[in-house]
Amino acid sequence: MNRATHHVRVLVLPLLFVAACSDSPESVCDHPVELMKAAGAPELDRSACVADMARTKERKNFIQWMRFSSCVTELDNMDGMKQCTALLDREPHTQVS
């Protein structure tokens, strides 16, 4: 194995793994839909949510999307959604508190 191949494996493969582990717009929408349904709240339009989340994923950098999508999919109720949304506005290099 030459040196360039080694660098590609060491630098690129972990990034591909992390990218594959990020949540899809569909999974980001499925969780709030289920939470709202369980709470008896008006149902969220899933197709509009997926389209909006796809646009959000394209507009934001990977770190912001990963923080936001993880936050949303880990919610126990909709009360924390405002905190998750704030993660989209946070600079990617700042720590999450």
PDB file of N, CA and C in Angstrom:
ATOM      1  N   MET A   1       0.855  -1.169   0.000  1.00  0.00           N
ATOM      2  CA  MET A   1       0.000   0.000   0.000  1.00  0.00           C
ATOM      3  C   MET A   1       0.903   1.236   0.000  1.00  0.00           C
ATOM      4  N   ASN A   2       0.646   2.129  -0.937  1.00  0.00           N
ATOM      5  CA  ASN A   2       1.475   3.324  -0.980  1.00  0.00           C
ATOM      6  C   ASN A   2       0.963   4.362   0.027  1.00  0.00           C
ATOM      7  N   ARG A   3       1.733   5.372   0.187  1.00  0.00           N
ATOM      8  CA  ARG A   3       1.454   6.390   1.206  1.00  0.00           C
ATOM      9  C   ARG A   3       0.148   7.148   0.940  1.00  0.00           C
ATOM     10  N   ALA A   4      -0.131   7.485  -0.308  1.00  0.00           N
ATOM     11  CA  ALA A   4      -1.364   8.214  -0.651  1.00  0.00           C
ATOM     12  C   ALA A   4      -2.594   7.376  -0.321  1.00  0.00           C
ATOM     13  N   THR A   5      -2.567   6.101  -0.629  1.00  0.00           N
ATOM     14  CA  THR A   5      -3.690   5.217  -0.324  1.00  0.00           C
ATOM     15  C   THR A   5      -3.911   5.140   1.176  1.00  0.00           C
ATOM     16  N   HIS A   6      -2.834   5.083   1.905  1.00  0.00           N
ATOM     17  CA  HIS A   6      -2.936   5.034   3.366  1.00  0.00           C
ATOM     18  C   HIS A   6      -3.606   6.302   3.900  1.00  0.00           C
ATOM     19  N   HIS A   7      -3.210   7.469   3.390  1.00  0.00           N
ATOM     20  CA  HIS A   7      -3.799   8.733   3.842  1.00  0.00           C
ATOM     21  C   HIS A   7      -5.286   8.796   3.510  1.00  0.00           C
ATOM     22  N   VAL A   8      -5.659   8.305   2.361  1.00  0.00           N
ATOM     23  CA  VAL A   8      -7.078   8.288   1.991  1.00  0.00           C
ATOM     24  C   VAL A   8      -7.857   7.422   2.966  1.00  0.00           C
ATOM     25  N   ARG A   9      -7.336   6.261   3.277  1.00  0.00           N
ATOM     26  CA  ARG A   9      -8.027   5.364   4.213  1.00  0.00           C
ATOM     27  C   ARG A   9      -8.131   5.978   5.607  1.00  0.00           C
ATOM     28  N   VAL A  10      -7.076   6.603   6.047  1.00  0.00           N
ATOM     29  CA  VAL A  10      -7.052   7.158   7.401  1.00  0.00           C
ATOM     30  C   VAL A  10      -7.934   8.404   7.507  1.00  0.00           C
ATOM     31  N   LEU A  11      -7.966   9.235   6.491  1.00  0.00           N
ATOM     32  CA  LEU A  11      -8.689  10.504   6.561  1.00  0.00           C
ATOM     33  C   LEU A  11     -10.115  10.439   6.029  1.00  0.00           C
ATOM     34  N   VAL A  12     -10.354   9.714   4.965  1.00  0.00           N
ATOM     35  CA  VAL A  12     -11.653   9.734   4.304  1.00  0.00           C
ATOM     36  C   VAL A  12     -12.623   8.707   4.877  1.00  0.00           C
ATOM     37  N   LEU A  13     -12.180   7.529   5.163  1.00  0.00           N
ATOM     38  CA  LEU A  13     -13.089   6.484   5.633  1.00  0.00           C
ATOM     39  C   LEU A  13     -13.820   6.848   6.923  1.00  0.00           C
ATOM     40  N   PRO A  14     -13.161   7.438   7.917  1.00  0.00           N
ATOM     41  CA  PRO A  14     -13.931   7.850   9.101  1.00  0.00           C
ATOM     42  C   PRO A  14     -15.002   8.891   8.786  1.00  0.00           C
ATOM     43  N   LEU A  15     -14.712   9.802   7.859  1.00  0.00           N
ATOM     44  CA  LEU A  15     -15.709  10.802   7.471  1.00  0.00           C
ATOM     45  C   LEU A  15     -16.914  10.155   6.799  1.00  0.00           C
ATOM     46  N   LEU A  16     -16.665   9.168   5.966  1.00  0.00           N
ATOM     47  CA  LEU A  16     -17.774   8.464   5.323  1.00  0.00           C
ATOM     48  C   LEU A  16     -18.617   7.724   6.356  1.00  0.00           C
ATOM     49  N   PHE A  17     -17.966   7.143   7.336  1.00  0.00           N
ATOM     50  CA  PHE A  17     -18.686   6.450   8.394  1.00  0.00           C
ATOM     51  C   PHE A  17     -19.582   7.417   9.162  1.00  0.00           C
ATOM     52  N   VAL A  18     -19.052   8.567   9.543  1.00  0.00           N
ATOM     53  CA  VAL A  18     -19.825   9.562  10.284  1.00  0.00           C
ATOM     54  C   VAL A  18     -20.968  10.090   9.433  1.00  0.00           C
ATOM     55  N   ALA A  19     -20.707  10.344   8.161  1.00  0.00           N
ATOM     56  CA  ALA A  19     -21.764  10.832   7.274  1.00  0.00           C
ATOM     57  C   ALA A  19     -22.876   9.815   7.134  1.00  0.00           C
ATOM     58  N   ALA A  20     -22.532   8.559   7.076  1.00  0.00           N
ATOM     59  CA  ALA A  20     -23.545   7.515   6.956  1.00  0.00           C
ATOM     60  C   ALA A  20     -24.357   7.395   8.232  1.00  0.00           C
ATOM     61  N   CYS A  21     -23.806   7.824   9.358  1.00  0.00           N
ATOM     62  CA  CYS A  21     -24.502   7.706  10.636  1.00  0.00           C
ATOM     63  C   CYS A  21     -25.406   8.896  10.935  1.00  0.00           C
ATOM     64  N   SER A  22     -25.370   9.936  10.134  1.00  0.00           N
ATOM     65  CA  SER A  22     -26.243  11.071  10.404  1.00  0.00           C
ATOM     66  C   SER A  22     -27.681  10.698  10.047  1.00  0.00           C
ATOM     67  N   ASP A  23     -28.603  11.354  10.720  1.00  0.00           N
ATOM     68  CA  ASP A  23     -30.018  11.053  10.517  1.00  0.00           C
ATOM     69  C   ASP A  23     -30.512  11.652   9.209  1.00  0.00           C
ATOM     70  N   SER A  24     -31.421  10.943   8.567  1.00  0.00           N
ATOM     71  CA  SER A  24     -32.010  11.412   7.323  1.00  0.00           C
ATOM     72  C   SER A  24     -33.130  12.399   7.639  1.00  0.00           C
ATOM     73  N   PRO A  25     -33.502  13.244   6.673  1.00  0.00           N
ATOM     74  CA  PRO A  25     -34.652  14.132   6.882  1.00  0.00           C
ATOM     75  C   PRO A  25     -35.917  13.349   7.252  1.00  0.00           C
ATOM     76  N   GLU A  26     -36.077  12.165   6.709  1.00  0.00           N
ATOM     77  CA  GLU A  26     -37.248  11.347   7.016  1.00  0.00           C
ATOM     78  C   GLU A  26     -37.278  10.950   8.487  1.00  0.00           C
ATOM     79  N   SER A  27     -36.131  10.491   9.007  1.00  0.00           N
ATOM     80  CA  SER A  27     -36.106  10.076  10.418  1.00  0.00           C
ATOM     81  C   SER A  27     -36.241  11.265  11.350  1.00  0.00           C
ATOM     82  N   VAL A  28     -35.733  12.428  10.933  1.00  0.00           N
ATOM     83  CA  VAL A  28     -35.880  13.636  11.747  1.00  0.00           C
ATOM     84  C   VAL A  28     -37.353  14.022  11.835  1.00  0.00           C
ATOM     85  N   CYS A  29     -38.124  13.790  10.793  1.00  0.00           N
ATOM     86  CA  CYS A  29     -39.553  14.120  10.807  1.00  0.00           C
ATOM     87  C   CYS A  29     -40.393  13.036  11.466  1.00  0.00           C
ATOM     88  N   ASP A  30     -40.010  11.793  11.337  1.00  0.00           N
ATOM     89  CA  ASP A  30     -40.813  10.699  11.893  1.00  0.00           C
ATOM     90  C   ASP A  30     -40.957  10.807  13.402  1.00  0.00           C
ATOM     91  N   HIS A  31     -39.897  11.170  14.082  1.00  0.00           N
ATOM     92  CA  HIS A  31     -39.950  11.212  15.547  1.00  0.00           C
ATOM     93  C   HIS A  31     -40.918  12.285  16.057  1.00  0.00           C
ATOM     94  N   PRO A  32     -40.833  13.540  15.607  1.00  0.00           N
ATOM     95  CA  PRO A  32     -41.816  14.534  16.066  1.00  0.00           C
ATOM     96  C   PRO A  32     -43.256  14.172  15.676  1.00  0.00           C
ATOM     97  N   VAL A  33     -43.434  13.553  14.516  1.00  0.00           N
ATOM     98  CA  VAL A  33     -44.782  13.135  14.113  1.00  0.00           C
ATOM     99  C   VAL A  33     -45.340  12.166  15.145  1.00  0.00           C
ATOM    100  N   GLU A  34     -44.530  11.206  15.564  1.00  0.00           N
ATOM    101  CA  GLU A  34     -44.968  10.230  16.565  1.00  0.00           C
ATOM    102  C   GLU A  34     -45.213  10.893  17.922  1.00  0.00           C
ATOM    103  N   LEU A  35     -44.336  11.823  18.313  1.00  0.00           N
ATOM    104  CA  LEU A  35     -44.515  12.518  19.588  1.00  0.00           C
ATOM    105  C   LEU A  35     -45.804  13.330  19.593  1.00  0.00           C
ATOM    106  N   MET A  36     -46.082  14.014  18.502  1.00  0.00           N
ATOM    107  CA  MET A  36     -47.294  14.826  18.416  1.00  0.00           C
ATOM    108  C   MET A  36     -48.540  13.948  18.407  1.00  0.00           C
ATOM    109  N   LYS A  37     -48.467  12.833  17.720  1.00  0.00           N
ATOM    110  CA  LYS A  37     -49.589  11.903  17.686  1.00  0.00           C
ATOM    111  C   LYS A  37     -49.868  11.364  19.089  1.00  0.00           C
ATOM    112  N   ALA A  38     -48.810  11.002  19.818  1.00  0.00           N
ATOM    113  CA  ALA A  38     -48.963  10.474  21.171  1.00  0.00           C
ATOM    114  C   ALA A  38     -49.517  11.529  22.127  1.00  0.00           C
ATOM    115  N   ALA A  39     -49.198  12.791  21.890  1.00  0.00           N
ATOM    116  CA  ALA A  39     -49.663  13.876  22.757  1.00  0.00           C
ATOM    117  C   ALA A  39     -51.064  14.344  22.380  1.00  0.00           C
ATOM    118  N   GLY A  40     -51.613  13.814  21.292  1.00  0.00           N
ATOM    119  CA  GLY A  40     -52.937  14.239  20.853  1.00  0.00           C
ATOM    120  C   GLY A  40     -52.935  15.590  20.172  1.00  0.00           C
ATOM    121  N   ALA A  41     -51.780  16.051  19.749  1.00  0.00           N
ATOM    122  CA  ALA A  41     -51.660  17.340  19.064  1.00  0.00           C
ATOM    123  C   ALA A  41     -52.037  17.176  17.596  1.00  0.00           C
ATOM    124  N   PRO A  42     -52.332  18.281  16.928  1.00  0.00           N
ATOM    125  CA  PRO A  42     -52.617  18.187  15.491  1.00  0.00           C
ATOM    126  C   PRO A  42     -51.460  17.531  14.758  1.00  0.00           C
ATOM    127  N   GLU A  43     -51.793  16.700  13.800  1.00  0.00           N
ATOM    128  CA  GLU A  43     -50.763  15.941  13.099  1.00  0.00           C
ATOM    129  C   GLU A  43     -49.924  16.847  12.197  1.00  0.00           C
ATOM    130  N   LEU A  44     -48.637  16.596  12.206  1.00  0.00           N
ATOM    131  CA  LEU A  44     -47.671  17.320  11.384  1.00  0.00           C
ATOM    132  C   LEU A  44     -47.712  16.765   9.965  1.00  0.00           C
ATOM    133  N   ASP A  45     -47.673  17.635   8.975  1.00  0.00           N
ATOM    134  CA  ASP A  45     -47.638  17.191   7.576  1.00  0.00           C
ATOM    135  C   ASP A  45     -46.244  16.634   7.302  1.00  0.00           C
ATOM    136  N   ARG A  46     -46.132  15.313   7.279  1.00  0.00           N
ATOM    137  CA  ARG A  46     -44.839  14.653   7.154  1.00  0.00           C
ATOM    138  C   ARG A  46     -44.131  15.007   5.853  1.00  0.00           C
ATOM    139  N   SER A  47     -44.853  15.041   4.739  1.00  0.00           N
ATOM    140  CA  SER A  47     -44.197  15.319   3.453  1.00  0.00           C
ATOM    141  C   SER A  47     -43.627  16.739   3.420  1.00  0.00           C
ATOM    142  N   ALA A  48     -44.338  17.696   3.993  1.00  0.00           N
ATOM    143  CA  ALA A  48     -43.819  19.068   4.060  1.00  0.00           C
ATOM    144  C   ALA A  48     -42.617  19.134   4.992  1.00  0.00           C
ATOM    145  N   CYS A  49     -42.687  18.377   6.088  1.00  0.00           N
ATOM    146  CA  CYS A  49     -41.563  18.339   7.029  1.00  0.00           C
ATOM    147  C   CYS A  49     -40.318  17.766   6.365  1.00  0.00           C
ATOM    148  N   VAL A  50     -40.479  16.653   5.647  1.00  0.00           N
ATOM    149  CA  VAL A  50     -39.331  16.012   4.987  1.00  0.00           C
ATOM    150  C   VAL A  50     -38.706  16.965   3.971  1.00  0.00           C
ATOM    151  N   ALA A  51     -39.537  17.656   3.198  1.00  0.00           N
ATOM    152  CA  ALA A  51     -39.008  18.610   2.212  1.00  0.00           C
ATOM    153  C   ALA A  51     -38.258  19.746   2.904  1.00  0.00           C
ATOM    154  N   ASP A  52     -38.818  20.246   4.006  1.00  0.00           N
ATOM    155  CA  ASP A  52     -38.170  21.323   4.751  1.00  0.00           C
ATOM    156  C   ASP A  52     -36.855  20.854   5.370  1.00  0.00           C
ATOM    157  N   MET A  53     -36.843  19.648   5.925  1.00  0.00           N
ATOM    158  CA  MET A  53     -35.614  19.117   6.530  1.00  0.00           C
ATOM    159  C   MET A  53     -34.546  18.834   5.475  1.00  0.00           C
ATOM    160  N   ALA A  54     -34.955  18.400   4.286  1.00  0.00           N
ATOM    161  CA  ALA A  54     -33.989  18.184   3.203  1.00  0.00           C
ATOM    162  C   ALA A  54     -33.330  19.503   2.810  1.00  0.00           C
ATOM    163  N   ARG A  55     -34.136  20.572   2.729  1.00  0.00           N
ATOM    164  CA  ARG A  55     -33.573  21.896   2.422  1.00  0.00           C
ATOM    165  C   ARG A  55     -32.643  22.353   3.547  1.00  0.00           C
ATOM    166  N   THR A  56     -33.050  22.111   4.782  1.00  0.00           N
ATOM    167  CA  THR A  56     -32.222  22.496   5.928  1.00  0.00           C
ATOM    168  C   THR A  56     -30.898  21.752   5.902  1.00  0.00           C
ATOM    169  N   LYS A  57     -30.950  20.462   5.616  1.00  0.00           N
ATOM    170  CA  LYS A  57     -29.722  19.661   5.563  1.00  0.00           C
ATOM    171  C   LYS A  57     -28.773  20.180   4.485  1.00  0.00           C
ATOM    172  N   GLU A  58     -29.323  20.633   3.355  1.00  0.00           N
ATOM    173  CA  GLU A  58     -28.489  21.172   2.277  1.00  0.00           C
ATOM    174  C   GLU A  58     -27.890  22.522   2.646  1.00  0.00           C
ATOM    175  N   ARG A  59     -28.647  23.355   3.365  1.00  0.00           N
ATOM    176  CA  ARG A  59     -28.200  24.719   3.690  1.00  0.00           C
ATOM    177  C   ARG A  59     -27.189  24.761   4.824  1.00  0.00           C
ATOM    178  N   LYS A  60     -27.307  23.850   5.762  1.00  0.00           N
ATOM    179  CA  LYS A  60     -26.429  23.877   6.927  1.00  0.00           C
ATOM    180  C   LYS A  60     -25.230  22.969   6.700  1.00  0.00           C
ATOM    181  N   ASN A  61     -24.180  23.216   7.457  1.00  0.00           N
ATOM    182  CA  ASN A  61     -23.024  22.332   7.314  1.00  0.00           C
ATOM    183  C   ASN A  61     -23.281  21.031   8.070  1.00  0.00           C
ATOM    184  N   PHE A  62     -22.426  20.077   7.852  1.00  0.00           N
ATOM    185  CA  PHE A  62     -22.634  18.739   8.386  1.00  0.00           C
ATOM    186  C   PHE A  62     -22.728  18.713   9.914  1.00  0.00           C
ATOM    187  N   ILE A  63     -21.864  19.459  10.585  1.00  0.00           N
ATOM    188  CA  ILE A  63     -21.848  19.478  12.055  1.00  0.00           C
ATOM    189  C   ILE A  63     -23.167  20.020  12.587  1.00  0.00           C
ATOM    190  N   GLN A  64     -23.661  21.121  12.012  1.00  0.00           N
ATOM    191  CA  GLN A  64     -24.929  21.689  12.462  1.00  0.00           C
ATOM    192  C   GLN A  64     -26.074  20.701  12.240  1.00  0.00           C
ATOM    193  N   TRP A  65     -26.102  20.069  11.078  1.00  0.00           N
ATOM    194  CA  TRP A  65     -27.160  19.099  10.795  1.00  0.00           C
ATOM    195  C   TRP A  65     -27.084  17.914  11.763  1.00  0.00           C
ATOM    196  N   MET A  66     -25.889  17.424  12.002  1.00  0.00           N
ATOM    197  CA  MET A  66     -25.735  16.267  12.873  1.00  0.00           C
ATOM    198  C   MET A  66     -26.200  16.589  14.299  1.00  0.00           C
ATOM    199  N   ARG A  67     -25.828  17.763  14.798  1.00  0.00           N
ATOM    200  CA  ARG A  67     -26.273  18.164  16.137  1.00  0.00           C
ATOM    201  C   ARG A  67     -27.796  18.284  16.191  1.00  0.00           C
ATOM    202  N   PHE A  68     -28.362  18.960  15.198  1.00  0.00           N
ATOM    203  CA  PHE A  68     -29.809  19.180  15.164  1.00  0.00           C
ATOM    204  C   PHE A  68     -30.567  17.854  15.037  1.00  0.00           C
ATOM    205  N   SER A  69     -30.179  17.028  14.076  1.00  0.00           N
ATOM    206  CA  SER A  69     -30.916  15.789  13.835  1.00  0.00           C
ATOM    207  C   SER A  69     -30.816  14.841  15.025  1.00  0.00           C
ATOM    208  N   SER A  70     -29.667  14.789  15.661  1.00  0.00           N
ATOM    209  CA  SER A  70     -29.527  13.954  16.860  1.00  0.00           C
ATOM    210  C   SER A  70     -30.412  14.458  17.984  1.00  0.00           C
ATOM    211  N   CYS A  71     -30.446  15.757  18.150  1.00  0.00           N
ATOM    212  CA  CYS A  71     -31.277  16.364  19.188  1.00  0.00           C
ATOM    213  C   CYS A  71     -32.748  16.020  18.964  1.00  0.00           C
ATOM    214  N   VAL A  72     -33.223  16.187  17.733  1.00  0.00           N
ATOM    215  CA  VAL A  72     -34.635  15.941  17.428  1.00  0.00           C
ATOM    216  C   VAL A  72     -34.995  14.471  17.628  1.00  0.00           C
ATOM    217  N   THR A  73     -34.164  13.584  17.151  1.00  0.00           N
ATOM    218  CA  THR A  73     -34.503  12.165  17.239  1.00  0.00           C
ATOM    219  C   THR A  73     -34.389  11.618  18.667  1.00  0.00           C
ATOM    220  N   GLU A  74     -33.775  12.371  19.568  1.00  0.00           N
ATOM    221  CA  GLU A  74     -33.662  11.951  20.961  1.00  0.00           C
ATOM    222  C   GLU A  74     -34.676  12.620  21.883  1.00  0.00           C
ATOM    223  N   LEU A  75     -35.546  13.464  21.338  1.00  0.00           N
ATOM    224  CA  LEU A  75     -36.540  14.155  22.165  1.00  0.00           C
ATOM    225  C   LEU A  75     -37.503  13.174  22.822  1.00  0.00           C
ATOM    226  N   ASP A  76     -37.869  13.474  24.077  1.00  0.00           N
ATOM    227  CA  ASP A  76     -38.903  12.704  24.769  1.00  0.00           C
ATOM    228  C   ASP A  76     -40.273  13.335  24.576  1.00  0.00           C
ATOM    229  N   ASN A  77     -40.278  14.651  24.334  1.00  0.00           N
ATOM    230  CA  ASN A  77     -41.512  15.377  24.050  1.00  0.00           C
ATOM    231  C   ASN A  77     -41.156  16.608  23.223  1.00  0.00           C
ATOM    232  N   MET A  78     -42.160  17.323  22.787  1.00  0.00           N
ATOM    233  CA  MET A  78     -41.916  18.444  21.877  1.00  0.00           C
ATOM    234  C   MET A  78     -41.400  19.699  22.591  1.00  0.00           C
ATOM    235  N   ASP A  79     -41.342  19.683  23.915  1.00  0.00           N
ATOM    236  CA  ASP A  79     -40.870  20.855  24.659  1.00  0.00           C
ATOM    237  C   ASP A  79     -39.419  21.221  24.332  1.00  0.00           C
ATOM    238  N   GLY A  80     -38.616  20.259  23.931  1.00  0.00           N
ATOM    239  CA  GLY A  80     -37.207  20.520  23.646  1.00  0.00           C
ATOM    240  C   GLY A  80     -36.919  20.944  22.216  1.00  0.00           C
ATOM    241  N   MET A  81     -37.953  21.049  21.382  1.00  0.00           N
ATOM    242  CA  MET A  81     -37.732  21.367  19.961  1.00  0.00           C
ATOM    243  C   MET A  81     -37.062  22.721  19.772  1.00  0.00           C
ATOM    244  N   LYS A  82     -37.404  23.697  20.607  1.00  0.00           N
ATOM    245  CA  LYS A  82     -36.795  25.028  20.474  1.00  0.00           C
ATOM    246  C   LYS A  82     -35.284  24.951  20.700  1.00  0.00           C
ATOM    247  N   GLN A  83     -34.875  24.135  21.670  1.00  0.00           N
ATOM    248  CA  GLN A  83     -33.447  23.966  21.941  1.00  0.00           C
ATOM    249  C   GLN A  83     -32.760  23.299  20.745  1.00  0.00           C
ATOM    250  N   CYS A  84     -33.417  22.318  20.141  1.00  0.00           N
ATOM    251  CA  CYS A  84     -32.836  21.652  18.961  1.00  0.00           C
ATOM    252  C   CYS A  84     -32.695  22.632  17.802  1.00  0.00           C
ATOM    253  N   THR A  85     -33.716  23.433  17.585  1.00  0.00           N
ATOM    254  CA  THR A  85     -33.690  24.404  16.487  1.00  0.00           C
ATOM    255  C   THR A  85     -32.571  25.429  16.687  1.00  0.00           C
ATOM    256  N   ALA A  86     -32.297  25.784  17.937  1.00  0.00           N
ATOM    257  CA  ALA A  86     -31.217  26.736  18.220  1.00  0.00           C
ATOM    258  C   ALA A  86     -29.864  26.183  17.790  1.00  0.00           C
ATOM    259  N   LEU A  87     -29.721  24.866  17.742  1.00  0.00           N
ATOM    260  CA  LEU A  87     -28.454  24.266  17.321  1.00  0.00           C
ATOM    261  C   LEU A  87     -28.137  24.564  15.854  1.00  0.00           C
ATOM    262  N   LEU A  88     -29.158  24.824  15.064  1.00  0.00           N
ATOM    263  CA  LEU A  88     -28.928  25.150  13.647  1.00  0.00           C
ATOM    264  C   LEU A  88     -28.273  26.517  13.477  1.00  0.00           C
ATOM    265  N   ASP A  89     -28.503  27.408  14.437  1.00  0.00           N
ATOM    266  CA  ASP A  89     -27.944  28.761  14.346  1.00  0.00           C
ATOM    267  C   ASP A  89     -26.581  28.875  14.991  1.00  0.00           C
ATOM    268  N   ARG A  90     -26.208  27.872  15.757  1.00  0.00           N
ATOM    269  CA  ARG A  90     -24.917  27.878  16.458  1.00  0.00           C
ATOM    270  C   ARG A  90     -23.793  27.622  15.459  1.00  0.00           C
ATOM    271  N   GLU A  91     -22.707  28.321  15.648  1.00  0.00           N
ATOM    272  CA  GLU A  91     -21.535  28.097  14.807  1.00  0.00           C
ATOM    273  C   GLU A  91     -21.041  26.671  15.021  1.00  0.00           C
ATOM    274  N   PRO A  92     -20.593  26.000  13.964  1.00  0.00           N
ATOM    275  CA  PRO A  92     -20.216  24.595  14.082  1.00  0.00           C
ATOM    276  C   PRO A  92     -19.035  24.333  15.003  1.00  0.00           C
ATOM    277  N   HIS A  93     -18.191  25.339  15.250  1.00  0.00           N
ATOM    278  CA  HIS A  93     -17.007  25.114  16.076  1.00  0.00           C
ATOM    279  C   HIS A  93     -17.273  25.336  17.565  1.00  0.00           C
ATOM    280  N   THR A  94     -18.479  25.785  17.940  1.00  0.00           N
ATOM    281  CA  THR A  94     -18.764  26.015  19.350  1.00  0.00           C
ATOM    282  C   THR A  94     -19.271  24.742  20.001  1.00  0.00           C
ATOM    283  N   GLN A  95     -19.012  24.616  21.266  1.00  0.00           N
ATOM    284  CA  GLN A  95     -19.433  23.424  21.995  1.00  0.00           C
ATOM    285  C   GLN A  95     -20.914  23.490  22.321  1.00  0.00           C
ATOM    286  N   VAL A  96     -21.516  22.312  22.371  1.00  0.00           N
ATOM    287  CA  VAL A  96     -22.911  22.209  22.766  1.00  0.00           C
ATOM    288  C   VAL A  96     -22.944  22.091  24.277  1.00  0.00           C
ATOM    289  N   SER A  97     -23.725  22.938  24.924  1.00  0.00           N
ATOM    290  CA  SER A  97     -23.782  22.876  26.394  1.00  0.00           C
ATOM    291  C   SER A  97     -24.928  22.017  26.853  1.00  0.00           C
TER     292      SER A  97
END
